[in-house]
Amino acid sequence: MTARRRTAGIVVLGVAPLALVGLAAGPAGAHGSMTDPVSRVSACFAEGPENPRSAACKAAVASSGTQAFYDWNEVNIADAAGNHKSIIPDGKLCSAGRDKYKGLDLPRGDWPSSPFTAGNRTFNYKATAPHKGSFELYITKDGYDAGQPLKWSDLEDKPFAKVTDPKLVNGAYVFDGIVPAKSGRHLIYSIWQRSDSPEAFYTCSDVVFGADNGGSAAAPEASAPSEADVEEGAAKSTVDHNGHGGDSPEETGGGAEVKDAGKDAGGYGDAAEPAAEPEANAPEVNGADAAEPQPAGGSENLAETGGDSTTPYIAAGGAAILAAGAAVMFGTVRRKTQPAGGRHSR
């Protein structure tokens, strides 16, 4: 083989993996937040981090800055591993103990809220990057005072709804729960603990049963961010899926960051719509164990493996690049064997 032919082969073989890296690289997705009932961070993001309308969101932005709300889908602890009460101090439940989101912990009775009733209810949790895991929903006890910092002891001892691997519908986890009878202003606290990682996510949703006995007459009804809001805000998000927000262990109050690239690769592309969804919504209501749903068609669940709907396109793109590279290389070799004039020798 001549030096020129060897060089051509090396260049082609070198370009293919670099091109594959380019295809895989791109904006990384974050994870999600409760949108029914609307979480505090979702409500303030929907109002607009630069110019929120409600007094509570204005105060939260003044405390945390706008970036916390562009990163609305990442109120997390990377290495929680189920130890929520031991690593999140009282008064910091809504921020998950993270200084970045401290504005969410402000004790006030005028947070945007969702009208609520007791009984059967369907919940929605927007998933900008799906992960297998379990959800637990807690509600505040009778006598809850929204004007005081939220403590673990303010929540009922057991979750009123618990579900493992709920169904993903239109980019949101959907599951059911039985809401206990309450009156006035309360708060619903959600914990989403991943089963494929120690990472967990947290939300605070303000709700009102009947008349708002602990809030303000000026408290607005909360609105969830629209798809347009999510798409527009993504350009200003600093959330790094692989680094889980890029915050130091000292800032998060936890240990080392989780860096499992194989599991976290699912953050690329439109991860909110994986190719295969569980066939049924099997909630664990009040702690009942639910069977783990299987994806339709018997294929592997992309939310579990870390892949997403872009994986086939990356593979196809890589194959195309390799094929094109091979054609260039063999074409070069073929031309070198032809005499002048382009005719084959006999």
C-alpha atoms as a PDB file:
ATOM      1  CA  MET A   1       0.000   0.000   0.000  1.00  0.00           C
ATOM      2  CA  THR A   2       1.416   3.424  -0.929  1.00  0.00           C
ATOM      3  CA  ALA A   3       1.848   6.188   1.608  1.00  0.00           C
ATOM      4  CA  ARG A   4      -0.960   8.181  -0.027  1.00  0.00           C
ATOM      5  CA  ARG A   5      -3.385   5.254   0.160  1.00  0.00           C
ATOM      6  CA  ARG A   6      -2.494   4.602   3.795  1.00  0.00           C
ATOM      7  CA  THR A   7      -3.096   8.287   4.570  1.00  0.00           C
ATOM      8  CA  ALA A   8      -6.496   8.236   2.861  1.00  0.00           C
ATOM      9  CA  GLY A   9      -7.548   5.206   4.883  1.00  0.00           C
ATOM     10  CA  ILE A  10      -6.402   6.765   8.154  1.00  0.00           C
ATOM     11  CA  VAL A  11      -8.269  10.008   7.411  1.00  0.00           C
ATOM     12  CA  VAL A  12     -11.507   8.156   6.614  1.00  0.00           C
ATOM     13  CA  LEU A  13     -11.298   5.948   9.672  1.00  0.00           C
ATOM     14  CA  GLY A  14     -10.510   8.970  11.823  1.00  0.00           C
ATOM     15  CA  VAL A  15     -13.372  11.094  10.503  1.00  0.00           C
ATOM     16  CA  ALA A  16     -16.066   8.498  11.272  1.00  0.00           C
ATOM     17  CA  PRO A  17     -15.732   8.415  15.081  1.00  0.00           C
ATOM     18  CA  LEU A  18     -15.306  12.191  15.202  1.00  0.00           C
ATOM     19  CA  ALA A  19     -18.498  12.625  13.201  1.00  0.00           C
ATOM     20  CA  LEU A  20     -20.311  10.209  15.493  1.00  0.00           C
ATOM     21  CA  VAL A  21     -19.209  12.281  18.467  1.00  0.00           C
ATOM     22  CA  GLY A  22     -20.579  15.350  16.724  1.00  0.00           C
ATOM     23  CA  LEU A  23     -23.909  13.636  16.191  1.00  0.00           C
ATOM     24  CA  ALA A  24     -24.124  12.531  19.827  1.00  0.00           C
ATOM     25  CA  ALA A  25     -23.172  15.931  21.207  1.00  0.00           C
ATOM     26  CA  GLY A  26     -25.909  18.521  21.582  1.00  0.00           C
ATOM     27  CA  PRO A  27     -28.062  20.312  24.120  1.00  0.00           C
ATOM     28  CA  ALA A  28     -28.607  18.055  27.113  1.00  0.00           C
ATOM     29  CA  GLY A  29     -32.017  17.616  28.669  1.00  0.00           C
ATOM     30  CA  ALA A  30     -32.794  18.128  32.303  1.00  0.00           C
ATOM     31  CA  HIS A  31     -35.357  16.080  34.163  1.00  0.00           C
ATOM     32  CA  GLY A  32     -38.716  17.519  35.185  1.00  0.00           C
ATOM     33  CA  SER A  33     -41.149  19.002  37.669  1.00  0.00           C
ATOM     34  CA  MET A  34     -44.748  18.645  38.843  1.00  0.00           C
ATOM     35  CA  THR A  35     -47.200  20.459  36.599  1.00  0.00           C
ATOM     36  CA  ASP A  36     -50.542  19.260  38.025  1.00  0.00           C
ATOM     37  CA  PRO A  37     -50.726  20.520  40.685  1.00  0.00           C
ATOM     38  CA  VAL A  38     -48.273  23.167  39.491  1.00  0.00           C
ATOM     39  CA  SER A  39     -45.015  23.332  41.443  1.00  0.00           C
ATOM     40  CA  ARG A  40     -43.654  26.654  42.647  1.00  0.00           C
ATOM     41  CA  VAL A  41     -40.672  26.530  40.313  1.00  0.00           C
ATOM     42  CA  SER A  42     -42.891  25.629  37.329  1.00  0.00           C
ATOM     43  CA  ALA A  43     -45.324  28.447  38.109  1.00  0.00           C
ATOM     44  CA  CYS A  44     -42.582  31.067  38.320  1.00  0.00           C
ATOM     45  CA  PHE A  45     -40.911  29.759  35.162  1.00  0.00           C
ATOM     46  CA  ALA A  46     -44.254  29.998  33.355  1.00  0.00           C
ATOM     47  CA  GLU A  47     -44.697  33.585  34.542  1.00  0.00           C
ATOM     48  CA  GLY A  48     -41.302  34.435  33.054  1.00  0.00           C
ATOM     49  CA  PRO A  49     -38.045  34.600  35.049  1.00  0.00           C
ATOM     50  CA  GLU A  50     -37.217  38.090  33.756  1.00  0.00           C
ATOM     51  CA  ASN A  51     -40.548  39.647  34.666  1.00  0.00           C
ATOM     52  CA  PRO A  52     -42.734  37.443  36.875  1.00  0.00           C
ATOM     53  CA  ARG A  53     -46.254  38.686  37.583  1.00  0.00           C
ATOM     54  CA  SER A  54     -47.006  37.401  41.091  1.00  0.00           C
ATOM     55  CA  ALA A  55     -45.539  38.901  44.247  1.00  0.00           C
ATOM     56  CA  ALA A  56     -44.275  35.509  45.433  1.00  0.00           C
ATOM     57  CA  CYS A  57     -42.440  34.744  42.189  1.00  0.00           C
ATOM     58  CA  LYS A  58     -40.959  38.243  42.139  1.00  0.00           C
ATOM     59  CA  ALA A  59     -39.623  37.629  45.643  1.00  0.00           C
ATOM     60  CA  ALA A  60     -38.310  34.178  44.668  1.00  0.00           C
ATOM     61  CA  VAL A  61     -36.456  35.583  41.654  1.00  0.00           C
ATOM     62  CA  ALA A  62     -35.049  38.399  43.793  1.00  0.00           C
ATOM     63  CA  SER A  63     -33.745  35.760  46.214  1.00  0.00           C
ATOM     64  CA  SER A  64     -32.450  33.134  43.787  1.00  0.00           C
ATOM     65  CA  GLY A  65     -31.903  35.043  40.546  1.00  0.00           C
ATOM     66  CA  THR A  66     -33.413  34.240  37.175  1.00  0.00           C
ATOM     67  CA  GLN A  67     -31.193  31.278  36.347  1.00  0.00           C
ATOM     68  CA  ALA A  68     -32.809  29.048  38.951  1.00  0.00           C
ATOM     69  CA  PHE A  69     -36.085  29.370  37.055  1.00  0.00           C
ATOM     70  CA  TYR A  70     -34.614  28.786  33.617  1.00  0.00           C
ATOM     71  CA  ASP A  71     -33.323  25.603  35.272  1.00  0.00           C
ATOM     72  CA  TRP A  72     -36.831  24.847  36.595  1.00  0.00           C
ATOM     73  CA  ASN A  73     -36.598  21.116  35.856  1.00  0.00           C
ATOM     74  CA  GLU A  74     -33.565  20.357  38.004  1.00  0.00           C
ATOM     75  CA  VAL A  75     -34.386  20.793  41.707  1.00  0.00           C
ATOM     76  CA  ASN A  76     -32.427  17.676  42.565  1.00  0.00           C
ATOM     77  CA  ILE A  77     -29.838  15.967  44.732  1.00  0.00           C
ATOM     78  CA  ALA A  78     -27.497  13.780  42.715  1.00  0.00           C
ATOM     79  CA  ASP A  79     -26.715  11.246  45.439  1.00  0.00           C
ATOM     80  CA  ALA A  80     -29.884  11.250  47.571  1.00  0.00           C
ATOM     81  CA  ALA A  81     -30.326   7.450  47.443  1.00  0.00           C
ATOM     82  CA  GLY A  82     -33.575   7.673  49.406  1.00  0.00           C
ATOM     83  CA  ASN A  83     -32.055   9.568  52.358  1.00  0.00           C
ATOM     84  CA  HIS A  84     -34.252  12.617  51.843  1.00  0.00           C
ATOM     85  CA  LYS A  85     -34.995  13.540  55.456  1.00  0.00           C
ATOM     86  CA  SER A  86     -31.401  13.180  56.586  1.00  0.00           C
ATOM     87  CA  ILE A  87     -29.876  15.353  53.853  1.00  0.00           C
ATOM     88  CA  ILE A  88     -32.520  18.074  53.393  1.00  0.00           C
ATOM     89  CA  PRO A  89     -32.825  20.309  56.467  1.00  0.00           C
ATOM     90  CA  ASP A  90     -36.082  21.752  57.785  1.00  0.00           C
ATOM     91  CA  GLY A  91     -36.978  25.026  56.127  1.00  0.00           C
ATOM     92  CA  LYS A  92     -35.275  23.987  52.869  1.00  0.00           C
ATOM     93  CA  LEU A  93     -37.537  21.261  51.541  1.00  0.00           C
ATOM     94  CA  CYS A  94     -38.668  23.152  48.441  1.00  0.00           C
ATOM     95  CA  SER A  95     -35.109  23.960  47.365  1.00  0.00           C
ATOM     96  CA  ALA A  96     -33.850  20.456  48.281  1.00  0.00           C
ATOM     97  CA  GLY A  97     -31.307  22.248  50.443  1.00  0.00           C
ATOM     98  CA  ARG A  98     -29.702  23.893  47.405  1.00  0.00           C
ATOM     99  CA  ASP A  99     -28.756  27.545  47.684  1.00  0.00           C
ATOM    100  CA  LYS A 100     -29.433  27.955  43.970  1.00  0.00           C
ATOM    101  CA  TYR A 101     -33.170  27.448  44.572  1.00  0.00           C
ATOM    102  CA  LYS A 102     -33.477  29.120  47.993  1.00  0.00           C
ATOM    103  CA  GLY A 103     -36.217  31.445  46.724  1.00  0.00           C
ATOM    104  CA  LEU A 104     -38.584  28.473  46.625  1.00  0.00           C
ATOM    105  CA  ASP A 105     -38.345  28.150  50.419  1.00  0.00           C
ATOM    106  CA  LEU A 106     -39.746  31.615  51.146  1.00  0.00           C
ATOM    107  CA  PRO A 107     -42.548  31.222  53.727  1.00  0.00           C
ATOM    108  CA  ARG A 108     -45.498  33.181  52.421  1.00  0.00           C
ATOM    109  CA  GLY A 109     -49.199  32.640  51.879  1.00  0.00           C
ATOM    110  CA  ASP A 110     -49.460  34.144  48.394  1.00  0.00           C
ATOM    111  CA  TRP A 111     -47.658  31.566  46.272  1.00  0.00           C
ATOM    112  CA  PRO A 112     -49.557  30.821  43.031  1.00  0.00           C
ATOM    113  CA  SER A 113     -51.771  27.860  43.878  1.00  0.00           C
ATOM    114  CA  SER A 114     -53.987  25.199  42.314  1.00  0.00           C
ATOM    115  CA  PRO A 115     -57.633  24.619  43.345  1.00  0.00           C
ATOM    116  CA  PHE A 116     -57.891  21.192  44.959  1.00  0.00           C
ATOM    117  CA  THR A 117     -60.449  18.690  46.203  1.00  0.00           C
ATOM    118  CA  ALA A 118     -60.336  15.481  48.191  1.00  0.00           C
ATOM    119  CA  GLY A 119     -60.773  12.085  46.561  1.00  0.00           C
ATOM    120  CA  ASN A 120     -59.417  10.440  43.428  1.00  0.00           C
ATOM    121  CA  ARG A 121     -57.150  12.673  41.360  1.00  0.00           C
ATOM    122  CA  THR A 122     -54.754  12.347  38.436  1.00  0.00           C
ATOM    123  CA  PHE A 123     -51.312  13.905  38.751  1.00  0.00           C
ATOM    124  CA  ASN A 124     -48.945  15.054  36.006  1.00  0.00           C
ATOM    125  CA  TYR A 125     -45.183  15.381  36.257  1.00  0.00           C
ATOM    126  CA  LYS A 126     -43.489  16.939  33.218  1.00  0.00           C
ATOM    127  CA  ALA A 127     -40.462  14.824  32.289  1.00  0.00           C
ATOM    128  CA  THR A 128     -37.906  16.606  30.134  1.00  0.00           C
ATOM    129  CA  ALA A 129     -35.726  13.501  30.506  1.00  0.00           C
ATOM    130  CA  PRO A 130     -37.487  10.349  31.692  1.00  0.00           C
ATOM    131  CA  HIS A 131     -35.944   7.974  34.223  1.00  0.00           C
ATOM    132  CA  LYS A 132     -37.246   4.817  35.857  1.00  0.00           C
ATOM    133  CA  GLY A 133     -38.131   5.299  39.487  1.00  0.00           C
ATOM    134  CA  SER A 134     -40.828   5.963  42.065  1.00  0.00           C
ATOM    135  CA  PHE A 135     -42.916   8.984  43.042  1.00  0.00           C
ATOM    136  CA  GLU A 136     -44.167   9.774  46.533  1.00  0.00           C
ATOM    137  CA  LEU A 137     -46.614  12.582  47.259  1.00  0.00           C
ATOM    138  CA  TYR A 138     -47.067  14.023  50.756  1.00  0.00           C
ATOM    139  CA  ILE A 139     -49.548  16.654  51.929  1.00  0.00           C
ATOM    140  CA  THR A 140     -49.267  19.025  54.852  1.00  0.00           C
ATOM    141  CA  LYS A 141     -51.041  18.281  58.113  1.00  0.00           C
ATOM    142  CA  ASP A 142     -54.122  20.084  59.385  1.00  0.00           C
ATOM    143  CA  GLY A 143     -53.077  23.413  60.865  1.00  0.00           C
ATOM    144  CA  TYR A 144     -50.329  23.992  58.281  1.00  0.00           C
ATOM    145  CA  ASP A 145     -49.145  27.615  58.336  1.00  0.00           C
ATOM    146  CA  ALA A 146     -47.899  28.793  54.926  1.00  0.00           C
ATOM    147  CA  GLY A 147     -46.263  31.777  56.604  1.00  0.00           C
ATOM    148  CA  GLN A 148     -43.746  29.543  58.390  1.00  0.00           C
ATOM    149  CA  PRO A 149     -40.753  27.694  56.872  1.00  0.00           C
ATOM    150  CA  LEU A 150     -41.776  24.210  55.735  1.00  0.00           C
ATOM    151  CA  LYS A 151     -40.517  21.410  58.008  1.00  0.00           C
ATOM    152  CA  TRP A 152     -40.613  17.665  57.566  1.00  0.00           C
ATOM    153  CA  SER A 153     -42.911  17.492  60.582  1.00  0.00           C
ATOM    154  CA  ASP A 154     -45.431  19.675  58.701  1.00  0.00           C
ATOM    155  CA  LEU A 155     -46.044  16.795  56.283  1.00  0.00           C
ATOM    156  CA  GLU A 156     -48.266  13.810  56.961  1.00  0.00           C
ATOM    157  CA  ASP A 157     -46.200  10.806  58.034  1.00  0.00           C
ATOM    158  CA  LYS A 158     -47.064   8.692  55.004  1.00  0.00           C
ATOM    159  CA  PRO A 159     -47.483   9.597  51.330  1.00  0.00           C
ATOM    160  CA  PHE A 160     -51.082   9.713  50.123  1.00  0.00           C
ATOM    161  CA  ALA A 161     -49.927   8.491  46.720  1.00  0.00           C
ATOM    162  CA  LYS A 162     -47.019   6.331  45.681  1.00  0.00           C
ATOM    163  CA  VAL A 163     -46.284   4.903  42.237  1.00  0.00           C
ATOM    164  CA  THR A 164     -43.422   3.047  40.582  1.00  0.00           C
ATOM    165  CA  ASP A 165     -42.612   3.589  36.904  1.00  0.00           C
ATOM    166  CA  PRO A 166     -45.849   5.354  35.950  1.00  0.00           C
ATOM    167  CA  LYS A 167     -46.924   5.718  32.337  1.00  0.00           C
ATOM    168  CA  LEU A 168     -45.377   8.480  30.245  1.00  0.00           C
ATOM    169  CA  VAL A 169     -48.044  10.362  28.271  1.00  0.00           C
ATOM    170  CA  ASN A 170     -47.172  13.259  25.963  1.00  0.00           C
ATOM    171  CA  GLY A 171     -43.935  13.929  27.796  1.00  0.00           C
ATOM    172  CA  ALA A 172     -45.388  13.727  31.312  1.00  0.00           C
ATOM    173  CA  TYR A 173     -45.663  10.996  33.918  1.00  0.00           C
ATOM    174  CA  VAL A 174     -49.341  10.428  34.708  1.00  0.00           C
ATOM    175  CA  PHE A 175     -50.524   8.622  37.828  1.00  0.00           C
ATOM    176  CA  ASP A 176     -53.423   8.576  40.272  1.00  0.00           C
ATOM    177  CA  GLY A 177     -53.780   9.157  43.985  1.00  0.00           C
ATOM    178  CA  ILE A 178     -56.454   9.522  46.644  1.00  0.00           C
ATOM    179  CA  VAL A 179     -56.261  12.999  48.176  1.00  0.00           C
ATOM    180  CA  PRO A 180     -57.273  13.184  51.857  1.00  0.00           C
ATOM    181  CA  ALA A 181     -59.913  15.644  53.031  1.00  0.00           C
ATOM    182  CA  LYS A 182     -58.425  19.041  53.877  1.00  0.00           C
ATOM    183  CA  SER A 183     -59.537  22.652  54.023  1.00  0.00           C
ATOM    184  CA  GLY A 184     -57.850  25.893  53.084  1.00  0.00           C
ATOM    185  CA  ARG A 185     -54.273  26.347  51.866  1.00  0.00           C
ATOM    186  CA  HIS A 186     -51.950  23.343  51.905  1.00  0.00           C
ATOM    187  CA  LEU A 187     -48.798  22.135  50.188  1.00  0.00           C
ATOM    188  CA  ILE A 188     -48.052  18.927  48.300  1.00  0.00           C
ATOM    189  CA  TYR A 189     -44.470  17.736  48.419  1.00  0.00           C
ATOM    190  CA  SER A 190     -43.259  15.321  45.756  1.00  0.00           C
ATOM    191  CA  ILE A 191     -40.189  13.106  45.786  1.00  0.00           C
ATOM    192  CA  TRP A 192     -39.086  11.406  42.566  1.00  0.00           C
ATOM    193  CA  GLN A 193     -36.391   8.857  43.400  1.00  0.00           C
ATOM    194  CA  ARG A 194     -34.681   7.278  40.413  1.00  0.00           C
ATOM    195  CA  SER A 195     -34.140   3.498  40.528  1.00  0.00           C
ATOM    196  CA  ASP A 196     -31.320   3.572  37.966  1.00  0.00           C
ATOM    197  CA  SER A 197     -29.331   6.153  39.950  1.00  0.00           C
ATOM    198  CA  PRO A 198     -29.161   7.640  43.491  1.00  0.00           C
ATOM    199  CA  GLU A 199     -30.481  10.927  42.077  1.00  0.00           C
ATOM    200  CA  ALA A 200     -33.792  12.332  43.330  1.00  0.00           C
ATOM    201  CA  PHE A 201     -35.973  15.329  42.435  1.00  0.00           C
ATOM    202  CA  TYR A 202     -38.238  17.424  44.663  1.00  0.00           C
ATOM    203  CA  THR A 203     -41.171  19.820  44.207  1.00  0.00           C
ATOM    204  CA  CYS A 204     -43.488  21.966  46.301  1.00  0.00           C
ATOM    205  CA  SER A 205     -46.992  22.591  44.932  1.00  0.00           C
ATOM    206  CA  ASP A 206     -49.311  25.027  46.694  1.00  0.00           C
ATOM    207  CA  VAL A 207     -52.959  23.957  46.689  1.00  0.00           C
ATOM    208  CA  VAL A 208     -56.206  25.363  48.098  1.00  0.00           C
ATOM    209  CA  PHE A 209     -59.208  23.328  49.265  1.00  0.00           C
ATOM    210  CA  GLY A 210     -62.237  25.619  49.130  1.00  0.00           C
ATOM    211  CA  ALA A 211     -61.546  29.045  50.609  1.00  0.00           C
ATOM    212  CA  ASP A 212     -57.930  30.162  51.068  1.00  0.00           C
ATOM    213  CA  ASN A 213     -57.791  30.352  54.853  1.00  0.00           C
ATOM    214  CA  GLY A 214     -54.030  30.710  55.149  1.00  0.00           C
ATOM    215  CA  GLY A 215     -53.095  32.788  52.145  1.00  0.00           C
ATOM    216  CA  SER A 216     -53.826  36.057  50.492  1.00  0.00           C
ATOM    217  CA  ALA A 217     -56.806  37.238  48.511  1.00  0.00           C
ATOM    218  CA  ALA A 218     -54.287  38.443  45.929  1.00  0.00           C
ATOM    219  CA  ALA A 219     -52.718  34.982  45.490  1.00  0.00           C
ATOM    220  CA  PRO A 220     -53.101  34.017  41.797  1.00  0.00           C
ATOM    221  CA  GLU A 221     -53.973  30.618  40.374  1.00  0.00           C
ATOM    222  CA  ALA A 222     -50.855  28.785  39.209  1.00  0.00           C
ATOM    223  CA  SER A 223     -50.298  27.997  35.525  1.00  0.00           C
ATOM    224  CA  ALA A 224     -48.006  25.289  34.176  1.00  0.00           C
ATOM    225  CA  PRO A 225     -45.425  26.166  31.523  1.00  0.00           C
ATOM    226  CA  SER A 226     -46.550  25.555  27.946  1.00  0.00           C
ATOM    227  CA  GLU A 227     -44.496  23.639  25.382  1.00  0.00           C
ATOM    228  CA  ALA A 228     -43.594  27.009  23.862  1.00  0.00           C
ATOM    229  CA  ASP A 229     -42.372  28.210  27.274  1.00  0.00           C
ATOM    230  CA  VAL A 230     -40.237  25.077  27.665  1.00  0.00           C
ATOM    231  CA  GLU A 231     -38.724  25.372  24.185  1.00  0.00           C
ATOM    232  CA  GLU A 232     -38.031  29.086  24.525  1.00  0.00           C
ATOM    233  CA  GLY A 233     -36.540  28.749  28.005  1.00  0.00           C
ATOM    234  CA  ALA A 234     -34.285  25.839  27.017  1.00  0.00           C
ATOM    235  CA  ALA A 235     -31.948  28.232  25.234  1.00  0.00           C
ATOM    236  CA  LYS A 236     -31.171  29.926  28.561  1.00  0.00           C
ATOM    237  CA  SER A 237     -30.969  26.787  30.675  1.00  0.00           C
ATOM    238  CA  THR A 238     -27.562  25.883  32.106  1.00  0.00           C
ATOM    239  CA  VAL A 239     -28.559  22.383  33.171  1.00  0.00           C
ATOM    240  CA  ASP A 240     -26.015  19.781  32.091  1.00  0.00           C
ATOM    241  CA  HIS A 241     -27.575  16.320  32.061  1.00  0.00           C
ATOM    242  CA  ASN A 242     -24.286  14.517  32.603  1.00  0.00           C
ATOM    243  CA  GLY A 243     -23.231  16.843  35.408  1.00  0.00           C
ATOM    244  CA  HIS A 244     -26.738  17.129  36.907  1.00  0.00           C
ATOM    245  CA  GLY A 245     -26.696  20.891  37.008  1.00  0.00           C
ATOM    246  CA  GLY A 246     -22.996  21.525  37.463  1.00  0.00           C
ATOM    247  CA  ASP A 247     -23.374  22.455  41.127  1.00  0.00           C
ATOM    248  CA  SER A 248     -20.619  21.449  43.505  1.00  0.00           C
ATOM    249  CA  PRO A 249     -21.186  18.862  46.255  1.00  0.00           C
ATOM    250  CA  GLU A 250     -20.685  21.649  48.774  1.00  0.00           C
ATOM    251  CA  GLU A 251     -23.538  23.655  47.219  1.00  0.00           C
ATOM    252  CA  THR A 252     -25.915  20.719  47.002  1.00  0.00           C
ATOM    253  CA  GLY A 253     -25.083  19.431  50.460  1.00  0.00           C
ATOM    254  CA  GLY A 254     -24.380  15.976  49.049  1.00  0.00           C
ATOM    255  CA  GLY A 255     -21.382  13.891  48.152  1.00  0.00           C
ATOM    256  CA  ALA A 256     -19.784  13.186  44.812  1.00  0.00           C
ATOM    257  CA  GLU A 257     -21.796  13.869  41.662  1.00  0.00           C
ATOM    258  CA  VAL A 258     -23.217  10.897  39.789  1.00  0.00           C
ATOM    259  CA  LYS A 259     -21.296  10.472  36.548  1.00  0.00           C
ATOM    260  CA  ASP A 260     -22.688   7.353  34.913  1.00  0.00           C
ATOM    261  CA  ALA A 261     -22.448   8.346  31.269  1.00  0.00           C
ATOM    262  CA  GLY A 262     -24.134   5.157  30.112  1.00  0.00           C
ATOM    263  CA  LYS A 263     -27.294   5.869  32.086  1.00  0.00           C
ATOM    264  CA  ASP A 264     -27.302   9.595  31.501  1.00  0.00           C
ATOM    265  CA  ALA A 265     -26.882   9.457  27.729  1.00  0.00           C
ATOM    266  CA  GLY A 266     -30.669   9.601  27.497  1.00  0.00           C
ATOM    267  CA  GLY A 267     -30.572  13.358  28.040  1.00  0.00           C
ATOM    268  CA  TYR A 268     -29.833  14.053  24.391  1.00  0.00           C
ATOM    269  CA  GLY A 269     -32.562  14.913  21.943  1.00  0.00           C
ATOM    270  CA  ASP A 270     -36.282  14.720  22.596  1.00  0.00           C
ATOM    271  CA  ALA A 271     -36.082  12.393  25.567  1.00  0.00           C
ATOM    272  CA  ALA A 272     -39.584  13.326  26.657  1.00  0.00           C
ATOM    273  CA  GLU A 273     -40.978  11.055  23.956  1.00  0.00           C
ATOM    274  CA  PRO A 274     -39.160   7.698  24.152  1.00  0.00           C
ATOM    275  CA  ALA A 275     -39.805   5.132  21.445  1.00  0.00           C
ATOM    276  CA  ALA A 276     -41.430   2.679  23.832  1.00  0.00           C
ATOM    277  CA  GLU A 277     -43.802   3.502  26.683  1.00  0.00           C
ATOM    278  CA  PRO A 278     -45.149   1.268  29.453  1.00  0.00           C
ATOM    279  CA  GLU A 279     -48.458  -0.230  28.454  1.00  0.00           C
ATOM    280  CA  ALA A 280     -50.390   0.682  31.582  1.00  0.00           C
ATOM    281  CA  ASN A 281     -50.431   3.113  34.466  1.00  0.00           C
ATOM    282  CA  ALA A 282     -50.097   1.029  37.622  1.00  0.00           C
ATOM    283  CA  PRO A 283     -50.000   3.439  40.585  1.00  0.00           C
ATOM    284  CA  GLU A 284     -49.102   2.456  44.113  1.00  0.00           C
ATOM    285  CA  VAL A 285     -51.899   4.190  45.991  1.00  0.00           C
ATOM    286  CA  ASN A 286     -51.055   4.652  49.656  1.00  0.00           C
ATOM    287  CA  GLY A 287     -47.989   2.436  49.445  1.00  0.00           C
ATOM    288  CA  ALA A 288     -49.285  -0.617  47.558  1.00  0.00           C
ATOM    289  CA  ASP A 289     -46.620  -2.283  45.432  1.00  0.00           C
ATOM    290  CA  ALA A 290     -47.178  -2.121  41.688  1.00  0.00           C
ATOM    291  CA  ALA A 291     -45.878  -4.565  39.142  1.00  0.00           C
ATOM    292  CA  GLU A 292     -43.161  -3.099  36.961  1.00  0.00           C
ATOM    293  CA  PRO A 293     -44.735  -2.349  33.554  1.00  0.00           C
ATOM    294  CA  GLN A 294     -43.154  -3.708  30.412  1.00  0.00           C
ATOM    295  CA  PRO A 295     -42.720  -1.622  27.277  1.00  0.00           C
ATOM    296  CA  ALA A 296     -44.977  -2.259  24.311  1.00  0.00           C
ATOM    297  CA  GLY A 297     -43.770  -4.865  21.855  1.00  0.00           C
ATOM    298  CA  GLY A 298     -41.387  -6.422  24.361  1.00  0.00           C
ATOM    299  CA  SER A 299     -38.552  -4.041  23.501  1.00  0.00           C
ATOM    300  CA  GLU A 300     -36.264  -2.574  26.129  1.00  0.00           C
ATOM    301  CA  ASN A 301     -37.527   0.557  27.896  1.00  0.00           C
ATOM    302  CA  LEU A 302     -35.395   3.487  26.755  1.00  0.00           C
ATOM    303  CA  ALA A 303     -35.938   5.338  30.020  1.00  0.00           C
ATOM    304  CA  GLU A 304     -34.284   2.404  31.796  1.00  0.00           C
ATOM    305  CA  THR A 305     -31.334   1.901  29.496  1.00  0.00           C
ATOM    306  CA  GLY A 306     -30.432   5.562  29.142  1.00  0.00           C
ATOM    307  CA  GLY A 307     -31.132   5.613  25.410  1.00  0.00           C
ATOM    308  CA  ASP A 308     -33.750   7.815  23.835  1.00  0.00           C
ATOM    309  CA  SER A 309     -35.610   8.414  20.601  1.00  0.00           C
ATOM    310  CA  THR A 310     -32.472   9.854  18.977  1.00  0.00           C
ATOM    311  CA  THR A 311     -30.486   6.647  19.375  1.00  0.00           C
ATOM    312  CA  PRO A 312     -31.622   5.043  16.068  1.00  0.00           C
ATOM    313  CA  TYR A 313     -30.835   8.252  14.203  1.00  0.00           C
ATOM    314  CA  ILE A 314     -27.350   8.455  15.698  1.00  0.00           C
ATOM    315  CA  ALA A 315     -26.731   4.851  14.685  1.00  0.00           C
ATOM    316  CA  ALA A 316     -28.084   5.454  11.190  1.00  0.00           C
ATOM    317  CA  GLY A 317     -26.023   8.599  10.843  1.00  0.00           C
ATOM    318  CA  GLY A 318     -22.903   6.751  11.921  1.00  0.00           C
ATOM    319  CA  ALA A 319     -23.547   3.981   9.420  1.00  0.00           C
ATOM    320  CA  ALA A 320     -24.029   6.529   6.662  1.00  0.00           C
ATOM    321  CA  ILE A 321     -20.780   8.241   7.549  1.00  0.00           C
ATOM    322  CA  LEU A 322     -18.883   4.947   7.586  1.00  0.00           C
ATOM    323  CA  ALA A 323     -20.393   3.988   4.226  1.00  0.00           C
ATOM    324  CA  ALA A 324     -19.495   7.355   2.733  1.00  0.00           C
ATOM    325  CA  GLY A 325     -15.972   7.101   4.110  1.00  0.00           C
ATOM    326  CA  ALA A 326     -15.537   3.640   2.669  1.00  0.00           C
ATOM    327  CA  ALA A 327     -16.724   4.838  -0.738  1.00  0.00           C
ATOM    328  CA  VAL A 328     -14.200   7.684  -0.661  1.00  0.00           C
ATOM    329  CA  MET A 329     -11.370   5.346   0.325  1.00  0.00           C
ATOM    330  CA  PHE A 330     -12.167   2.648  -2.237  1.00  0.00           C
ATOM    331  CA  GLY A 331     -12.800   5.250  -4.891  1.00  0.00           C
ATOM    332  CA  THR A 332      -9.355   6.656  -4.244  1.00  0.00           C
ATOM    333  CA  VAL A 333      -7.776   3.209  -4.544  1.00  0.00           C
ATOM    334  CA  ARG A 334      -9.734   2.464  -7.726  1.00  0.00           C
ATOM    335  CA  ARG A 335      -8.584   5.673  -9.373  1.00  0.00           C
ATOM    336  CA  LYS A 336      -4.961   4.879  -8.563  1.00  0.00           C
ATOM    337  CA  THR A 337      -5.235   1.556 -10.488  1.00  0.00           C
ATOM    338  CA  GLN A 338      -6.570   3.200 -13.678  1.00  0.00           C
ATOM    339  CA  PRO A 339      -4.174   4.326 -16.448  1.00  0.00           C
ATOM    340  CA  ALA A 340      -4.264   7.832 -17.892  1.00  0.00           C
ATOM    341  CA  GLY A 341      -7.378   8.480 -19.919  1.00  0.00           C
ATOM    342  CA  GLY A 342      -9.587   6.613 -17.490  1.00  0.00           C
ATOM    343  CA  ARG A 343      -9.643   3.287 -19.473  1.00  0.00           C
ATOM    344  CA  HIS A 344      -8.990  -0.064 -17.808  1.00  0.00           C
ATOM    345  CA  SER A 345      -5.784  -1.892 -18.833  1.00  0.00           C
ATOM    346  CA  ARG A 346      -6.252  -5.350 -20.258  1.00  0.00           C
END
